[in-house]
C-alpha atoms as a PDB file:
ATOM      1  CA  MET A   1     -19.381  -3.206  19.728  1.00  0.00           C
ATOM      2  CA  TRP A   2     -17.918  -5.507  17.100  1.00  0.00           C
ATOM      3  CA  LEU A   3     -15.310  -4.583  14.587  1.00  0.00           C
ATOM      4  CA  TYR A   4     -14.921  -6.688  11.249  1.00  0.00           C
ATOM      5  CA  SER A   5     -11.398  -6.860   9.315  1.00  0.00           C
ATOM      6  CA  VAL A   6     -11.460  -7.899   6.267  1.00  0.00           C
ATOM      7  CA  ASP A   7      -8.222  -8.139   3.976  1.00  0.00           C
ATOM      8  CA  TRP A   8      -8.011  -9.432   0.163  1.00  0.00           C
ATOM      9  CA  TYR A   9      -5.991 -12.970   1.336  1.00  0.00           C
ATOM     10  CA  HIS A  10      -7.598 -13.709   4.390  1.00  0.00           C
ATOM     11  CA  SER A  11     -10.760 -14.836   6.073  1.00  0.00           C
ATOM     12  CA  ALA A  12     -12.849 -12.105   7.772  1.00  0.00           C
ATOM     13  CA  VAL A  13     -12.105 -11.456  11.778  1.00  0.00           C
ATOM     14  CA  ARG A  14     -15.071 -10.303  13.984  1.00  0.00           C
ATOM     15  CA  PHE A  15     -13.486  -8.680  17.149  1.00  0.00           C
ATOM     16  CA  ARG A  16     -14.161  -6.511  20.262  1.00  0.00           C
ATOM     17  CA  PRO A  17     -11.394  -3.697  19.893  1.00  0.00           C
ATOM     18  CA  ASP A  18     -11.582  -3.036  23.664  1.00  0.00           C
ATOM     19  CA  PRO A  19      -9.280  -5.885  24.744  1.00  0.00           C
ATOM     20  CA  VAL A  20      -6.459  -5.974  22.097  1.00  0.00           C
ATOM     21  CA  GLY A  21      -3.810  -4.499  20.666  1.00  0.00           C
ATOM     22  CA  GLY A  22      -2.597  -3.089  24.244  1.00  0.00           C
ATOM     23  CA  LEU A  23       0.415  -4.494  26.709  1.00  0.00           C
ATOM     24  CA  GLY A  24      -0.341  -8.098  27.173  1.00  0.00           C
ATOM     25  CA  GLN A  25      -3.374  -8.514  24.987  1.00  0.00           C
ATOM     26  CA  PRO A  26      -4.375  -9.958  21.979  1.00  0.00           C
ATOM     27  CA  ARG A  27      -2.491  -8.205  18.560  1.00  0.00           C
ATOM     28  CA  TRP A  28      -4.456  -6.262  16.521  1.00  0.00           C
ATOM     29  CA  PRO A  29      -6.079  -8.415  13.189  1.00  0.00           C
ATOM     30  CA  GLY A  30      -4.122  -6.986  10.278  1.00  0.00           C
ATOM     31  CA  SER A  31      -2.756  -3.353   9.670  1.00  0.00           C
ATOM     32  CA  ALA A  32      -4.634  -0.487   9.022  1.00  0.00           C
ATOM     33  CA  PHE A  33      -2.108   0.981   6.592  1.00  0.00           C
ATOM     34  CA  PRO A  34      -1.767  -1.078   3.553  1.00  0.00           C
ATOM     35  CA  ASP A  35       1.133  -3.272   3.149  1.00  0.00           C
ATOM     36  CA  GLY A  36       0.715  -4.746  -0.297  1.00  0.00           C
ATOM     37  CA  ASP A  37      -3.289  -5.895   0.016  1.00  0.00           C
ATOM     38  CA  TYR A  38      -6.533  -4.123   0.666  1.00  0.00           C
ATOM     39  CA  TYR A  39      -7.734  -3.556   4.205  1.00  0.00           C
ATOM     40  CA  VAL A  40     -11.038  -2.745   5.573  1.00  0.00           C
ATOM     41  CA  TYR A  41     -12.306  -2.584   9.225  1.00  0.00           C
ATOM     42  CA  PHE A  42     -15.307  -1.379   9.786  1.00  0.00           C
ATOM     43  CA  SER A  43     -18.147  -1.336  12.607  1.00  0.00           C
ATOM     44  CA  GLU A  44     -21.108  -3.685  12.798  1.00  0.00           C
ATOM     45  CA  ASP A  45     -23.814  -0.923  11.586  1.00  0.00           C
ATOM     46  CA  PHE A  46     -21.276   0.686   8.976  1.00  0.00           C
ATOM     47  CA  SER A  47     -21.200   3.506  10.343  1.00  0.00           C
ATOM     48  CA  PHE A  48     -17.558   4.136  10.684  1.00  0.00           C
ATOM     49  CA  GLY A  49     -14.616   2.314   9.592  1.00  0.00           C
ATOM     50  CA  THR A  50     -10.922   2.446   7.582  1.00  0.00           C
ATOM     51  CA  PHE A  51     -10.221   1.591   3.969  1.00  0.00           C
ATOM     52  CA  GLY A  52      -6.615   0.567   3.002  1.00  0.00           C
ATOM     53  CA  HIS A  53      -5.769   0.815  -0.667  1.00  0.00           C
ATOM     54  CA  PRO A  54      -2.461  -0.647  -1.222  1.00  0.00           C
ATOM     55  CA  TRP A  55      -1.866   0.953  -4.909  1.00  0.00           C
ATOM     56  CA  GLU A  56      -2.843   4.427  -3.681  1.00  0.00           C
ATOM     57  CA  GLY A  57      -0.882   3.971  -0.235  1.00  0.00           C
ATOM     58  CA  THR A  58      -3.607   5.525   0.677  1.00  0.00           C
ATOM     59  CA  LEU A  59      -5.976   5.045   3.751  1.00  0.00           C
ATOM     60  CA  CYS A  60      -9.911   6.247   3.743  1.00  0.00           C
ATOM     61  CA  VAL A  61     -11.037   7.346   6.942  1.00  0.00           C
ATOM     62  CA  PHE A  62     -14.845   7.022   7.367  1.00  0.00           C
ATOM     63  CA  GLY A  63     -17.622   8.019   9.649  1.00  0.00           C
ATOM     64  CA  ALA A  64     -17.897  11.503  11.805  1.00  0.00           C
ATOM     65  CA  GLY A  65     -16.957  10.012  15.493  1.00  0.00           C
ATOM     66  CA  LEU A  66     -13.948   8.458  14.433  1.00  0.00           C
ATOM     67  CA  LEU A  67     -12.647  11.247  12.294  1.00  0.00           C
ATOM     68  CA  ALA A  68     -12.602  13.893  14.982  1.00  0.00           C
ATOM     69  CA  GLN A  69     -10.725  11.393  17.248  1.00  0.00           C
ATOM     70  CA  VAL A  70      -7.956  10.632  14.730  1.00  0.00           C
ATOM     71  CA  THR A  71      -7.598  13.320  11.801  1.00  0.00           C
ATOM     72  CA  GLU A  72      -5.088  15.200  13.659  1.00  0.00           C
ATOM     73  CA  ASP A  73      -2.957  11.826  14.583  1.00  0.00           C
ATOM     74  CA  LEU A  74      -3.181  10.943  11.074  1.00  0.00           C
ATOM     75  CA  THR A  75      -2.329  14.058   9.495  1.00  0.00           C
ATOM     76  CA  ALA A  76       0.754  14.274  11.824  1.00  0.00           C
ATOM     77  CA  VAL A  77       1.726  10.114  10.694  1.00  0.00           C
ATOM     78  CA  LEU A  78       0.475  10.435   7.148  1.00  0.00           C
ATOM     79  CA  GLY A  79       0.491  14.146   5.923  1.00  0.00           C
ATOM     80  CA  ASN A  80      -2.661  16.482   4.626  1.00  0.00           C
ATOM     81  CA  PRO A  81      -5.703  14.063   2.901  1.00  0.00           C
ATOM     82  CA  ARG A  82      -5.267  13.439  -0.608  1.00  0.00           C
ATOM     83  CA  ARG A  83      -9.008  13.837  -0.901  1.00  0.00           C
ATOM     84  CA  ARG A  84     -12.293  14.755   1.364  1.00  0.00           C
ATOM     85  CA  ASP A  85     -15.552  13.350   0.947  1.00  0.00           C
ATOM     86  CA  GLY A  86     -14.720  12.208  -2.810  1.00  0.00           C
ATOM     87  CA  ARG A  87     -12.888  15.462  -3.877  1.00  0.00           C
ATOM     88  CA  GLY A  88      -9.454  16.135  -4.380  1.00  0.00           C
ATOM     89  CA  LEU A  89      -8.077  18.733  -2.322  1.00  0.00           C
END
């Protein structure tokens, strides 16, 4: 499985998530949470990914499988969601 990372000021990066981010492995490209830039990560088929919005300071996560894996941890770190399925909470 390939993932793509895109941000406002840099070239897109195509990478496999397995061999990055761990001890002795290459760094994860970019940053999932926005630090002044838009950050987008998505799968090759667009079935899941994230979108970091720099002005809102929000992180949109999409794809049922990814949401099931990260919702609890993200809520613990970032707090309750602002929106779900395009609707305000």
